[in-house]
């Protein structure tokens, strides 16, 4: 399993002291934490308002929802960074044989994500 190889490599590499009188310890946690509830802060409110405004430019409505799932965004949200997740295709029944994607959601989601990146990059 790839995870086992990475765990062994991490332990091996962390033993190599490049700077004398330092010590490195590593741990690798398997699994991904679920997305925590995002605390409402002025920063997270601004991020959500920005996303809603951009989606509104093309006549779409963006809603706030939680799924209890896990993603890379769970890591940034878990340390208090204002985080939005779910820029992907709209669909349902995720990770089941009945999973589906609404093809007409692809272009609007690409628009939303690219405009968010453009706006946030200007700051």
PDB file of N, CA and C in Angstrom:
ATOM      1  N   UNK A   1       0.849  -1.185   0.000  1.00  0.00           N
ATOM      2  CA  UNK A   1       0.000   0.000   0.000  1.00  0.00           C
ATOM      3  C   UNK A   1       0.891   1.243   0.000  1.00  0.00           C
ATOM      4  N   UNK A   2       0.490   2.224  -0.787  1.00  0.00           N
ATOM      5  CA  UNK A   2       1.265   3.458  -0.928  1.00  0.00           C
ATOM      6  C   UNK A   2       1.416   4.194   0.401  1.00  0.00           C
ATOM      7  N   UNK A   3       0.385   4.173   1.207  1.00  0.00           N
ATOM      8  CA  UNK A   3       0.450   4.851   2.502  1.00  0.00           C
ATOM      9  C   UNK A   3       1.572   4.265   3.359  1.00  0.00           C
ATOM     10  N   UNK A   4       1.721   2.946   3.362  1.00  0.00           N
ATOM     11  CA  UNK A   4       2.784   2.294   4.141  1.00  0.00           C
ATOM     12  C   UNK A   4       4.162   2.727   3.653  1.00  0.00           C
ATOM     13  N   UNK A   5       4.341   2.813   2.341  1.00  0.00           N
ATOM     14  CA  UNK A   5       5.626   3.237   1.785  1.00  0.00           C
ATOM     15  C   UNK A   5       5.948   4.672   2.201  1.00  0.00           C
ATOM     16  N   UNK A   6       4.964   5.540   2.118  1.00  0.00           N
ATOM     17  CA  UNK A   6       5.177   6.940   2.494  1.00  0.00           C
ATOM     18  C   UNK A   6       5.515   7.044   3.974  1.00  0.00           C
ATOM     19  N   UNK A   7       4.839   6.272   4.801  1.00  0.00           N
ATOM     20  CA  UNK A   7       5.103   6.287   6.241  1.00  0.00           C
ATOM     21  C   UNK A   7       6.550   5.871   6.533  1.00  0.00           C
ATOM     22  N   UNK A   8       7.015   4.823   5.871  1.00  0.00           N
ATOM     23  CA  UNK A   8       8.400   4.367   6.054  1.00  0.00           C
ATOM     24  C   UNK A   8       9.391   5.404   5.547  1.00  0.00           C
ATOM     25  N   UNK A   9       9.133   5.973   4.375  1.00  0.00           N
ATOM     26  CA  UNK A   9      10.018   7.002   3.823  1.00  0.00           C
ATOM     27  C   UNK A   9      10.072   8.229   4.725  1.00  0.00           C
ATOM     28  N   UNK A  10       8.960   8.621   5.264  1.00  0.00           N
ATOM     29  CA  UNK A  10       8.910   9.770   6.163  1.00  0.00           C
ATOM     30  C   UNK A  10       9.767   9.534   7.400  1.00  0.00           C
ATOM     31  N   UNK A  11       9.659   8.352   7.980  1.00  0.00           N
ATOM     32  CA  UNK A  11      10.476   8.014   9.153  1.00  0.00           C
ATOM     33  C   UNK A  11      11.958   8.005   8.799  1.00  0.00           C
ATOM     34  N   UNK A  12      12.297   7.454   7.641  1.00  0.00           N
ATOM     35  CA  UNK A  12      13.701   7.394   7.218  1.00  0.00           C
ATOM     36  C   UNK A  12      14.265   8.789   6.966  1.00  0.00           C
ATOM     37  N   UNK A  13      13.540   9.607   6.237  1.00  0.00           N
ATOM     38  CA  UNK A  13      14.016  10.951   5.901  1.00  0.00           C
ATOM     39  C   UNK A  13      14.122  11.831   7.145  1.00  0.00           C
ATOM     40  N   UNK A  14      13.214  11.670   8.077  1.00  0.00           N
ATOM     41  CA  UNK A  14      13.243  12.531   9.264  1.00  0.00           C
ATOM     42  C   UNK A  14      14.412  12.203  10.193  1.00  0.00           C
ATOM     43  N   UNK A  15      15.045  11.046  10.027  1.00  0.00           N
ATOM     44  CA  UNK A  15      16.214  10.692  10.843  1.00  0.00           C
ATOM     45  C   UNK A  15      17.480  11.405  10.369  1.00  0.00           C
ATOM     46  N   UNK A  16      17.477  11.889   9.140  1.00  0.00           N
ATOM     47  CA  UNK A  16      18.643  12.543   8.550  1.00  0.00           C
ATOM     48  C   UNK A  16      18.748  13.971   9.083  1.00  0.00           C
ATOM     49  N   UNK A  17      19.712  14.197   9.966  1.00  0.00           N
ATOM     50  CA  UNK A  17      19.886  15.523  10.573  1.00  0.00           C
ATOM     51  C   UNK A  17      20.735  16.405   9.669  1.00  0.00           C
ATOM     52  N   UNK A  18      20.111  17.363   9.056  1.00  0.00           N
ATOM     53  CA  UNK A  18      20.831  18.305   8.217  1.00  0.00           C
ATOM     54  C   UNK A  18      21.395  19.462   9.045  1.00  0.00           C
ATOM     55  N   UNK A  19      20.761  19.740  10.162  1.00  0.00           N
ATOM     56  CA  UNK A  19      21.211  20.807  11.063  1.00  0.00           C
ATOM     57  C   UNK A  19      21.551  20.169  12.404  1.00  0.00           C
ATOM     58  N   UNK A  20      22.833  20.242  12.816  1.00  0.00           N
ATOM     59  CA  UNK A  20      23.218  19.648  14.100  1.00  0.00           C
ATOM     60  C   UNK A  20      22.376  20.232  15.244  1.00  0.00           C
ATOM     61  N   UNK A  21      22.231  19.479  16.275  1.00  0.00           N
ATOM     62  CA  UNK A  21      21.508  19.880  17.484  1.00  0.00           C
ATOM     63  C   UNK A  21      20.014  20.110  17.241  1.00  0.00           C
ATOM     64  N   UNK A  22      19.483  19.477  16.218  1.00  0.00           N
ATOM     65  CA  UNK A  22      18.035  19.532  16.002  1.00  0.00           C
ATOM     66  C   UNK A  22      17.478  18.120  16.015  1.00  0.00           C
ATOM     67  N   UNK A  23      16.212  18.043  16.217  1.00  0.00           N
ATOM     68  CA  UNK A  23      15.550  16.744  16.218  1.00  0.00           C
ATOM     69  C   UNK A  23      14.231  16.890  15.483  1.00  0.00           C
ATOM     70  N   UNK A  24      13.941  15.933  14.654  1.00  0.00           N
ATOM     71  CA  UNK A  24      12.684  15.931  13.917  1.00  0.00           C
ATOM     72  C   UNK A  24      11.923  14.671  14.280  1.00  0.00           C
ATOM     73  N   UNK A  25      10.689  14.842  14.648  1.00  0.00           N
ATOM     74  CA  UNK A  25       9.818  13.689  14.864  1.00  0.00           C
ATOM     75  C   UNK A  25       8.629  13.844  13.920  1.00  0.00           C
ATOM     76  N   UNK A  26       8.149  12.727  13.429  1.00  0.00           N
ATOM     77  CA  UNK A  26       7.034  12.765  12.493  1.00  0.00           C
ATOM     78  C   UNK A  26       5.960  11.781  12.917  1.00  0.00           C
ATOM     79  N   UNK A  27       4.763  12.113  12.572  1.00  0.00           N
ATOM     80  CA  UNK A  27       3.637  11.181  12.705  1.00  0.00           C
ATOM     81  C   UNK A  27       2.793  11.343  11.454  1.00  0.00           C
ATOM     82  N   UNK A  28       2.225  10.298  11.034  1.00  0.00           N
ATOM     83  CA  UNK A  28       1.368  10.308   9.861  1.00  0.00           C
ATOM     84  C   UNK A  28       0.043   9.706  10.285  1.00  0.00           C
ATOM     85  N   UNK A  29      -0.992  10.489  10.140  1.00  0.00           N
ATOM     86  CA  UNK A  29      -2.315  10.051  10.582  1.00  0.00           C
ATOM     87  C   UNK A  29      -3.114   9.577   9.373  1.00  0.00           C
ATOM     88  N   UNK A  30      -3.598   8.375   9.455  1.00  0.00           N
ATOM     89  CA  UNK A  30      -4.396   7.825   8.355  1.00  0.00           C
ATOM     90  C   UNK A  30      -5.819   8.361   8.436  1.00  0.00           C
ATOM     91  N   UNK A  31      -6.349   8.650   7.281  1.00  0.00           N
ATOM     92  CA  UNK A  31      -7.719   9.146   7.233  1.00  0.00           C
ATOM     93  C   UNK A  31      -7.758  10.662   7.160  1.00  0.00           C
ATOM     94  N   UNK A  32      -8.917  11.175   6.907  1.00  0.00           N
ATOM     95  CA  UNK A  32      -9.133  12.606   6.778  1.00  0.00           C
ATOM     96  C   UNK A  32     -10.232  12.994   7.749  1.00  0.00           C
ATOM     97  N   UNK A  33     -10.030  14.068   8.499  1.00  0.00           N
ATOM     98  CA  UNK A  33     -11.083  14.454   9.440  1.00  0.00           C
ATOM     99  C   UNK A  33     -12.304  14.985   8.690  1.00  0.00           C
ATOM    100  N   UNK A  34     -13.475  14.834   9.270  1.00  0.00           N
ATOM    101  CA  UNK A  34     -14.655  15.412   8.619  1.00  0.00           C
ATOM    102  C   UNK A  34     -14.561  16.937   8.650  1.00  0.00           C
ATOM    103  N   UNK A  35     -15.222  17.571   7.722  1.00  0.00           N
ATOM    104  CA  UNK A  35     -15.238  19.034   7.666  1.00  0.00           C
ATOM    105  C   UNK A  35     -15.906  19.563   8.927  1.00  0.00           C
ATOM    106  N   UNK A  36     -15.185  20.383   9.693  1.00  0.00           N
ATOM    107  CA  UNK A  36     -15.807  20.927  10.897  1.00  0.00           C
ATOM    108  C   UNK A  36     -16.796  22.028  10.528  1.00  0.00           C
ATOM    109  N   UNK A  37     -17.711  22.336  11.432  1.00  0.00           N
ATOM    110  CA  UNK A  37     -18.583  23.484  11.167  1.00  0.00           C
ATOM    111  C   UNK A  37     -17.699  24.726  11.066  1.00  0.00           C
ATOM    112  N   UNK A  38     -17.897  25.513  10.041  1.00  0.00           N
ATOM    113  CA  UNK A  38     -17.080  26.704   9.842  1.00  0.00           C
ATOM    114  C   UNK A  38     -17.631  27.805  10.748  1.00  0.00           C
ATOM    115  N   UNK A  39     -16.776  28.311  11.649  1.00  0.00           N
ATOM    116  CA  UNK A  39     -17.270  29.400  12.504  1.00  0.00           C
ATOM    117  C   UNK A  39     -17.545  30.643  11.660  1.00  0.00           C
ATOM    118  N   UNK A  40     -18.627  31.308  11.958  1.00  0.00           N
ATOM    119  CA  UNK A  40     -18.943  32.523  11.212  1.00  0.00           C
ATOM    120  C   UNK A  40     -18.067  33.645  11.732  1.00  0.00           C
ATOM    121  N   UNK A  41     -17.231  34.125  10.861  1.00  0.00           N
ATOM    122  CA  UNK A  41     -16.352  35.247  11.160  1.00  0.00           C
ATOM    123  C   UNK A  41     -16.543  36.266  10.038  1.00  0.00           C
ATOM    124  N   UNK A  42     -16.093  37.489  10.252  1.00  0.00           N
ATOM    125  CA  UNK A  42     -16.194  38.453   9.150  1.00  0.00           C
ATOM    126  C   UNK A  42     -15.479  37.959   7.885  1.00  0.00           C
ATOM    127  N   UNK A  43     -14.358  37.256   8.057  1.00  0.00           N
ATOM    128  CA  UNK A  43     -13.605  36.755   6.896  1.00  0.00           C
ATOM    129  C   UNK A  43     -14.391  35.678   6.151  1.00  0.00           C
ATOM    130  N   UNK A  44     -14.969  34.723   6.888  1.00  0.00           N
ATOM    131  CA  UNK A  44     -15.722  33.666   6.210  1.00  0.00           C
ATOM    132  C   UNK A  44     -16.999  34.220   5.588  1.00  0.00           C
ATOM    133  N   UNK A  45     -17.624  35.196   6.258  1.00  0.00           N
ATOM    134  CA  UNK A  45     -18.819  35.832   5.682  1.00  0.00           C
ATOM    135  C   UNK A  45     -18.482  36.553   4.378  1.00  0.00           C
ATOM    136  N   UNK A  46     -17.327  37.236   4.333  1.00  0.00           N
ATOM    137  CA  UNK A  46     -16.907  37.933   3.106  1.00  0.00           C
ATOM    138  C   UNK A  46     -16.638  36.938   1.976  1.00  0.00           C
ATOM    139  N   UNK A  47     -16.012  35.827   2.316  1.00  0.00           N
ATOM    140  CA  UNK A  47     -15.713  34.808   1.311  1.00  0.00           C
ATOM    141  C   UNK A  47     -17.005  34.238   0.725  1.00  0.00           C
ATOM    142  N   UNK A  48     -17.961  33.939   1.582  1.00  0.00           N
ATOM    143  CA  UNK A  48     -19.235  33.391   1.111  1.00  0.00           C
ATOM    144  C   UNK A  48     -20.000  34.430   0.306  1.00  0.00           C
ATOM    145  N   UNK A  49     -20.002  35.681   0.760  1.00  0.00           N
ATOM    146  CA  UNK A  49     -20.697  36.740   0.019  1.00  0.00           C
ATOM    147  C   UNK A  49     -20.068  36.934  -1.356  1.00  0.00           C
ATOM    148  N   UNK A  50     -18.743  36.833  -1.426  1.00  0.00           N
ATOM    149  CA  UNK A  50     -18.052  36.955  -2.705  1.00  0.00           C
ATOM    150  C   UNK A  50     -18.497  35.840  -3.645  1.00  0.00           C
ATOM    151  N   UNK A  51     -18.517  34.614  -3.158  1.00  0.00           N
ATOM    152  CA  UNK A  51     -18.922  33.467  -3.981  1.00  0.00           C
ATOM    153  C   UNK A  51     -20.380  33.613  -4.425  1.00  0.00           C
ATOM    154  N   UNK A  52     -21.246  34.038  -3.522  1.00  0.00           N
ATOM    155  CA  UNK A  52     -22.652  34.204  -3.878  1.00  0.00           C
ATOM    156  C   UNK A  52     -22.825  35.304  -4.929  1.00  0.00           C
ATOM    157  N   UNK A  53     -22.058  36.388  -4.783  1.00  0.00           N
ATOM    158  CA  UNK A  53     -22.132  37.475  -5.753  1.00  0.00           C
ATOM    159  C   UNK A  53     -21.671  37.045  -7.133  1.00  0.00           C
ATOM    160  N   UNK A  54     -20.580  36.313  -7.177  1.00  0.00           N
ATOM    161  CA  UNK A  54     -20.053  35.835  -8.463  1.00  0.00           C
ATOM    162  C   UNK A  54     -21.044  34.877  -9.122  1.00  0.00           C
ATOM    163  N   UNK A  55     -21.585  33.961  -8.356  1.00  0.00           N
ATOM    164  CA  UNK A  55     -22.543  33.010  -8.926  1.00  0.00           C
ATOM    165  C   UNK A  55     -23.797  33.745  -9.396  1.00  0.00           C
ATOM    166  N   UNK A  56     -24.169  34.788  -8.667  1.00  0.00           N
ATOM    167  CA  UNK A  56     -25.323  35.597  -9.053  1.00  0.00           C
ATOM    168  C   UNK A  56     -25.125  36.319 -10.376  1.00  0.00           C
ATOM    169  N   UNK A  57     -23.867  36.594 -10.750  1.00  0.00           N
ATOM    170  CA  UNK A  57     -23.578  37.252 -12.022  1.00  0.00           C
ATOM    171  C   UNK A  57     -24.112  36.462 -13.213  1.00  0.00           C
ATOM    172  N   UNK A  58     -24.214  35.164 -13.044  1.00  0.00           N
ATOM    173  CA  UNK A  58     -24.709  34.313 -14.138  1.00  0.00           C
ATOM    174  C   UNK A  58     -26.097  33.745 -13.824  1.00  0.00           C
ATOM    175  N   UNK A  59     -26.786  34.443 -12.909  1.00  0.00           N
ATOM    176  CA  UNK A  59     -28.166  34.070 -12.610  1.00  0.00           C
ATOM    177  C   UNK A  59     -28.327  32.808 -11.779  1.00  0.00           C
ATOM    178  N   UNK A  60     -27.279  32.427 -11.064  1.00  0.00           N
ATOM    179  CA  UNK A  60     -27.328  31.232 -10.223  1.00  0.00           C
ATOM    180  C   UNK A  60     -27.371  31.629  -8.761  1.00  0.00           C
ATOM    181  N   UNK A  61     -27.900  30.752  -7.938  1.00  0.00           N
ATOM    182  CA  UNK A  61     -27.952  30.985  -6.494  1.00  0.00           C
ATOM    183  C   UNK A  61     -27.084  29.945  -5.801  1.00  0.00           C
ATOM    184  N   UNK A  62     -26.205  30.420  -4.939  1.00  0.00           N
ATOM    185  CA  UNK A  62     -25.303  29.550  -4.185  1.00  0.00           C
ATOM    186  C   UNK A  62     -25.790  29.497  -2.753  1.00  0.00           C
ATOM    187  N   UNK A  63     -25.956  28.311  -2.210  1.00  0.00           N
ATOM    188  CA  UNK A  63     -26.432  28.159  -0.834  1.00  0.00           C
ATOM    189  C   UNK A  63     -25.333  27.548   0.032  1.00  0.00           C
ATOM    190  N   UNK A  64     -25.426  27.814   1.321  1.00  0.00           N
ATOM    191  CA  UNK A  64     -24.507  27.215   2.288  1.00  0.00           C
ATOM    192  C   UNK A  64     -25.097  25.907   2.769  1.00  0.00           C
ATOM    193  N   UNK A  65     -24.313  24.851   2.677  1.00  0.00           N
ATOM    194  CA  UNK A  65     -24.767  23.535   3.123  1.00  0.00           C
ATOM    195  C   UNK A  65     -23.610  22.803   3.754  1.00  0.00           C
ATOM    196  N   UNK A  66     -23.897  21.788   4.516  1.00  0.00           N
ATOM    197  CA  UNK A  66     -22.879  20.917   5.080  1.00  0.00           C
ATOM    198  C   UNK A  66     -23.225  19.477   4.772  1.00  0.00           C
ATOM    199  N   UNK A  67     -22.199  18.671   4.547  1.00  0.00           N
ATOM    200  CA  UNK A  67     -22.468  17.275   4.219  1.00  0.00           C
ATOM    201  C   UNK A  67     -21.915  16.318   5.274  1.00  0.00           C
ATOM    202  N   UNK A  68     -21.025  16.823   6.122  1.00  0.00           N
ATOM    203  CA  UNK A  68     -20.386  15.942   7.091  1.00  0.00           C
ATOM    204  C   UNK A  68     -19.284  15.105   6.481  1.00  0.00           C
ATOM    205  N   UNK A  69     -18.982  15.363   5.209  1.00  0.00           N
ATOM    206  CA  UNK A  69     -17.943  14.606   4.528  1.00  0.00           C
ATOM    207  C   UNK A  69     -16.557  15.145   4.840  1.00  0.00           C
ATOM    208  N   UNK A  70     -15.567  14.543   4.228  1.00  0.00           N
ATOM    209  CA  UNK A  70     -14.182  14.947   4.437  1.00  0.00           C
ATOM    210  C   UNK A  70     -13.551  15.304   3.097  1.00  0.00           C
ATOM    211  N   UNK A  71     -12.646  16.258   3.143  1.00  0.00           N
ATOM    212  CA  UNK A  71     -11.928  16.693   1.942  1.00  0.00           C
ATOM    213  C   UNK A  71     -10.657  17.391   2.386  1.00  0.00           C
ATOM    214  N   UNK A  72      -9.812  17.740   1.430  1.00  0.00           N
ATOM    215  CA  UNK A  72      -8.611  18.503   1.767  1.00  0.00           C
ATOM    216  C   UNK A  72      -8.981  19.783   2.504  1.00  0.00           C
ATOM    217  N   UNK A  73     -10.109  20.368   2.148  1.00  0.00           N
ATOM    218  CA  UNK A  73     -10.553  21.601   2.789  1.00  0.00           C
ATOM    219  C   UNK A  73     -10.809  21.413   4.283  1.00  0.00           C
ATOM    220  N   UNK A  74     -11.055  20.182   4.709  1.00  0.00           N
ATOM    221  CA  UNK A  74     -11.257  19.906   6.137  1.00  0.00           C
ATOM    222  C   UNK A  74     -10.029  20.304   6.944  1.00  0.00           C
ATOM    223  N   UNK A  75      -8.857  20.156   6.330  1.00  0.00           N
ATOM    224  CA  UNK A  75      -7.613  20.469   7.034  1.00  0.00           C
ATOM    225  C   UNK A  75      -7.461  21.961   7.257  1.00  0.00           C
ATOM    226  N   UNK A  76      -7.728  22.765   6.225  1.00  0.00           N
ATOM    227  CA  UNK A  76      -7.608  24.217   6.404  1.00  0.00           C
ATOM    228  C   UNK A  76      -8.719  24.739   7.308  1.00  0.00           C
ATOM    229  N   UNK A  77      -9.919  24.222   7.153  1.00  0.00           N
ATOM    230  CA  UNK A  77     -11.028  24.653   8.012  1.00  0.00           C
ATOM    231  C   UNK A  77     -10.769  24.280   9.465  1.00  0.00           C
ATOM    232  N   UNK A  78     -10.132  23.137   9.674  1.00  0.00           N
ATOM    233  CA  UNK A  78      -9.865  22.659  11.028  1.00  0.00           C
ATOM    234  C   UNK A  78      -8.919  23.523  11.822  1.00  0.00           C
ATOM    235  N   UNK A  79      -8.127  24.352  11.144  1.00  0.00           N
ATOM    236  CA  UNK A  79      -7.214  25.249  11.850  1.00  0.00           C
ATOM    237  C   UNK A  79      -7.713  26.686  11.823  1.00  0.00           C
ATOM    238  N   UNK A  80      -8.969  26.867  11.425  1.00  0.00           N
ATOM    239  CA  UNK A  80      -9.593  28.184  11.508  1.00  0.00           C
ATOM    240  C   UNK A  80      -9.453  29.070  10.287  1.00  0.00           C
ATOM    241  N   UNK A  81      -8.926  28.549   9.191  1.00  0.00           N
ATOM    242  CA  UNK A  81      -8.807  29.337   7.967  1.00  0.00           C
ATOM    243  C   UNK A  81     -10.168  29.422   7.291  1.00  0.00           C
ATOM    244  N   UNK A  82     -10.620  30.615   6.936  1.00  0.00           N
ATOM    245  CA  UNK A  82     -11.898  30.699   6.210  1.00  0.00           C
ATOM    246  C   UNK A  82     -11.828  29.818   4.971  1.00  0.00           C
ATOM    247  N   UNK A  83     -12.763  28.898   4.843  1.00  0.00           N
ATOM    248  CA  UNK A  83     -12.689  27.868   3.812  1.00  0.00           C
ATOM    249  C   UNK A  83     -14.042  27.657   3.158  1.00  0.00           C
ATOM    250  N   UNK A  84     -14.035  27.606   1.838  1.00  0.00           N
ATOM    251  CA  UNK A  84     -15.214  27.170   1.095  1.00  0.00           C
ATOM    252  C   UNK A  84     -14.853  25.884   0.398  1.00  0.00           C
ATOM    253  N   UNK A  85     -15.784  24.968   0.343  1.00  0.00           N
ATOM    254  CA  UNK A  85     -15.574  23.697  -0.334  1.00  0.00           C
ATOM    255  C   UNK A  85     -16.800  23.445  -1.203  1.00  0.00           C
ATOM    256  N   UNK A  86     -16.669  22.568  -2.161  1.00  0.00           N
ATOM    257  CA  UNK A  86     -17.822  22.214  -2.974  1.00  0.00           C
ATOM    258  C   UNK A  86     -17.921  23.009  -4.254  1.00  0.00           C
ATOM    259  N   UNK A  87     -16.788  23.341  -4.857  1.00  0.00           N
ATOM    260  CA  UNK A  87     -16.797  24.054  -6.128  1.00  0.00           C
ATOM    261  C   UNK A  87     -16.997  23.108  -7.306  1.00  0.00           C
ATOM    262  N   UNK A  88     -17.137  21.837  -7.018  1.00  0.00           N
ATOM    263  CA  UNK A  88     -17.247  20.847  -8.083  1.00  0.00           C
ATOM    264  C   UNK A  88     -18.622  20.800  -8.706  1.00  0.00           C
ATOM    265  N   UNK A  89     -18.794  19.820  -9.529  1.00  0.00           N
ATOM    266  CA  UNK A  89     -20.030  19.617 -10.271  1.00  0.00           C
ATOM    267  C   UNK A  89     -21.175  19.326  -9.299  1.00  0.00           C
ATOM    268  N   UNK A  90     -22.342  19.835  -9.608  1.00  0.00           N
ATOM    269  CA  UNK A  90     -23.545  19.555  -8.826  1.00  0.00           C
ATOM    270  C   UNK A  90     -24.018  18.153  -9.175  1.00  0.00           C
ATOM    271  N   UNK A  91     -24.451  17.420  -8.174  1.00  0.00           N
ATOM    272  CA  UNK A  91     -24.947  16.062  -8.404  1.00  0.00           C
ATOM    273  C   UNK A  91     -25.538  15.499  -7.133  1.00  0.00           C
ATOM    274  N   UNK A  92     -25.522  14.189  -7.015  1.00  0.00           N
ATOM    275  CA  UNK A  92     -26.094  13.573  -5.828  1.00  0.00           C
ATOM    276  C   UNK A  92     -25.697  12.119  -5.688  1.00  0.00           C
ATOM    277  N   UNK A  93     -26.112  11.535  -4.568  1.00  0.00           N
ATOM    278  CA  UNK A  93     -25.841  10.129  -4.235  1.00  0.00           C
ATOM    279  C   UNK A  93     -24.344   9.803  -4.317  1.00  0.00           C
ATOM    280  N   UNK A  94     -23.539  10.730  -3.806  1.00  0.00           N
ATOM    281  CA  UNK A  94     -22.088  10.626  -3.929  1.00  0.00           C
ATOM    282  C   UNK A  94     -21.560   9.298  -3.377  1.00  0.00           C
ATOM    283  N   UNK A  95     -20.606   8.728  -4.078  1.00  0.00           N
ATOM    284  CA  UNK A  95     -19.913   7.480  -3.722  1.00  0.00           C
ATOM    285  C   UNK A  95     -20.843   6.280  -3.614  1.00  0.00           C
ATOM    286  N   UNK A  96     -21.877   6.279  -4.426  1.00  0.00           N
ATOM    287  CA  UNK A  96     -22.779   5.127  -4.495  1.00  0.00           C
ATOM    288  C   UNK A  96     -22.926   4.736  -5.967  1.00  0.00           C
ATOM    289  N   UNK A  97     -23.455   3.552  -6.223  1.00  0.00           N
ATOM    290  CA  UNK A  97     -23.703   3.181  -7.634  1.00  0.00           C
ATOM    291  C   UNK A  97     -24.707   4.119  -8.325  1.00  0.00           C
ATOM    292  N   UNK A  98     -25.503   4.851  -7.551  1.00  0.00           N
ATOM    293  CA  UNK A  98     -26.495   5.764  -8.120  1.00  0.00           C
ATOM    294  C   UNK A  98     -25.968   7.202  -8.247  1.00  0.00           C
ATOM    295  N   UNK A  99     -24.670   7.398  -8.031  1.00  0.00           N
ATOM    296  CA  UNK A  99     -24.103   8.745  -8.122  1.00  0.00           C
ATOM    297  C   UNK A  99     -24.356   9.328  -9.511  1.00  0.00           C
ATOM    298  N   UNK A 100     -24.651  10.624  -9.536  1.00  0.00           N
ATOM    299  CA  UNK A 100     -24.886  11.280 -10.818  1.00  0.00           C
ATOM    300  C   UNK A 100     -24.332  12.699 -10.773  1.00  0.00           C
ATOM    301  N   UNK A 101     -24.086  13.246 -11.933  1.00  0.00           N
ATOM    302  CA  UNK A 101     -23.634  14.623 -12.072  1.00  0.00           C
ATOM    303  C   UNK A 101     -24.564  15.348 -13.029  1.00  0.00           C
ATOM    304  N   UNK A 102     -24.873  16.590 -12.690  1.00  0.00           N
ATOM    305  CA  UNK A 102     -25.688  17.425 -13.562  1.00  0.00           C
ATOM    306  C   UNK A 102     -24.739  18.133 -14.529  1.00  0.00           C
ATOM    307  N   UNK A 103     -24.693  17.653 -15.756  1.00  0.00           N
ATOM    308  CA  UNK A 103     -23.735  18.125 -16.749  1.00  0.00           C
ATOM    309  C   UNK A 103     -23.853  19.638 -16.958  1.00  0.00           C
ATOM    310  N   UNK A 104     -25.062  20.169 -16.886  1.00  0.00           N
ATOM    311  CA  UNK A 104     -25.242  21.606 -17.097  1.00  0.00           C
ATOM    312  C   UNK A 104     -24.622  22.455 -15.977  1.00  0.00           C
ATOM    313  N   UNK A 105     -24.157  21.817 -14.898  1.00  0.00           N
ATOM    314  CA  UNK A 105     -23.526  22.566 -13.805  1.00  0.00           C
ATOM    315  C   UNK A 105     -22.032  22.775 -14.023  1.00  0.00           C
ATOM    316  N   UNK A 106     -21.446  22.115 -15.006  1.00  0.00           N
ATOM    317  CA  UNK A 106     -19.995  22.175 -15.203  1.00  0.00           C
ATOM    318  C   UNK A 106     -19.528  23.596 -15.522  1.00  0.00           C
ATOM    319  N   UNK A 107     -20.064  24.212 -16.547  1.00  0.00           N
ATOM    320  CA  UNK A 107     -19.611  25.553 -16.951  1.00  0.00           C
ATOM    321  C   UNK A 107     -19.837  26.593 -15.845  1.00  0.00           C
ATOM    322  N   UNK A 108     -21.005  26.624 -15.191  1.00  0.00           N
ATOM    323  CA  UNK A 108     -21.179  27.605 -14.119  1.00  0.00           C
ATOM    324  C   UNK A 108     -20.196  27.409 -12.953  1.00  0.00           C
ATOM    325  N   UNK A 109     -19.877  26.173 -12.621  1.00  0.00           N
ATOM    326  CA  UNK A 109     -18.928  25.930 -11.531  1.00  0.00           C
ATOM    327  C   UNK A 109     -17.508  26.332 -11.922  1.00  0.00           C
ATOM    328  N   UNK A 110     -17.146  26.100 -13.182  1.00  0.00           N
ATOM    329  CA  UNK A 110     -15.834  26.550 -13.658  1.00  0.00           C
ATOM    330  C   UNK A 110     -15.765  28.075 -13.594  1.00  0.00           C
ATOM    331  N   UNK A 111     -16.842  28.735 -13.979  1.00  0.00           N
ATOM    332  CA  UNK A 111     -16.913  30.196 -13.908  1.00  0.00           C
ATOM    333  C   UNK A 111     -16.732  30.655 -12.466  1.00  0.00           C
ATOM    334  N   UNK A 112     -17.466  30.059 -11.554  1.00  0.00           N
ATOM    335  CA  UNK A 112     -17.384  30.440 -10.139  1.00  0.00           C
ATOM    336  C   UNK A 112     -15.967  30.271  -9.610  1.00  0.00           C
ATOM    337  N   UNK A 113     -15.381  29.130  -9.830  1.00  0.00           N
ATOM    338  CA  UNK A 113     -14.039  28.868  -9.307  1.00  0.00           C
ATOM    339  C   UNK A 113     -13.002  29.810  -9.926  1.00  0.00           C
ATOM    340  N   UNK A 114     -13.042  29.985 -11.237  1.00  0.00           N
ATOM    341  CA  UNK A 114     -12.034  30.837 -11.883  1.00  0.00           C
ATOM    342  C   UNK A 114     -12.188  32.298 -11.462  1.00  0.00           C
ATOM    343  N   UNK A 115     -13.411  32.776 -11.332  1.00  0.00           N
ATOM    344  CA  UNK A 115     -13.631  34.158 -10.876  1.00  0.00           C
ATOM    345  C   UNK A 115     -13.214  34.339  -9.416  1.00  0.00           C
ATOM    346  N   UNK A 116     -13.441  33.342  -8.588  1.00  0.00           N
ATOM    347  CA  UNK A 116     -12.986  33.419  -7.189  1.00  0.00           C
ATOM    348  C   UNK A 116     -11.469  33.535  -7.148  1.00  0.00           C
ATOM    349  N   UNK A 117     -10.795  32.717  -7.926  1.00  0.00           N
ATOM    350  CA  UNK A 117      -9.329  32.753  -7.956  1.00  0.00           C
ATOM    351  C   UNK A 117      -8.856  34.124  -8.438  1.00  0.00           C
ATOM    352  N   UNK A 118      -9.476  34.644  -9.490  1.00  0.00           N
ATOM    353  CA  UNK A 118      -9.076  35.946 -10.020  1.00  0.00           C
ATOM    354  C   UNK A 118      -9.276  37.053  -8.985  1.00  0.00           C
ATOM    355  N   UNK A 119     -10.411  37.051  -8.313  1.00  0.00           N
ATOM    356  CA  UNK A 119     -10.694  38.088  -7.326  1.00  0.00           C
ATOM    357  C   UNK A 119      -9.758  37.996  -6.123  1.00  0.00           C
ATOM    358  N   UNK A 120      -9.568  36.787  -5.628  1.00  0.00           N
ATOM    359  CA  UNK A 120      -8.724  36.610  -4.441  1.00  0.00           C
ATOM    360  C   UNK A 120      -7.245  36.867  -4.760  1.00  0.00           C
ATOM    361  N   UNK A 121      -6.834  36.636  -5.997  1.00  0.00           N
ATOM    362  CA  UNK A 121      -5.449  36.870  -6.387  1.00  0.00           C
ATOM    363  C   UNK A 121      -5.112  38.355  -6.449  1.00  0.00           C
ATOM    364  N   UNK A 122      -6.113  39.207  -6.592  1.00  0.00           N
ATOM    365  CA  UNK A 122      -5.893  40.657  -6.665  1.00  0.00           C
ATOM    366  C   UNK A 122      -5.597  41.264  -5.300  1.00  0.00           C
ATOM    367  N   UNK A 123      -5.906  40.540  -4.235  1.00  0.00           N
ATOM    368  CA  UNK A 123      -5.745  41.095  -2.880  1.00  0.00           C
ATOM    369  C   UNK A 123      -4.302  41.171  -2.481  1.00  0.00           C
TER     370      UNK A 123
END
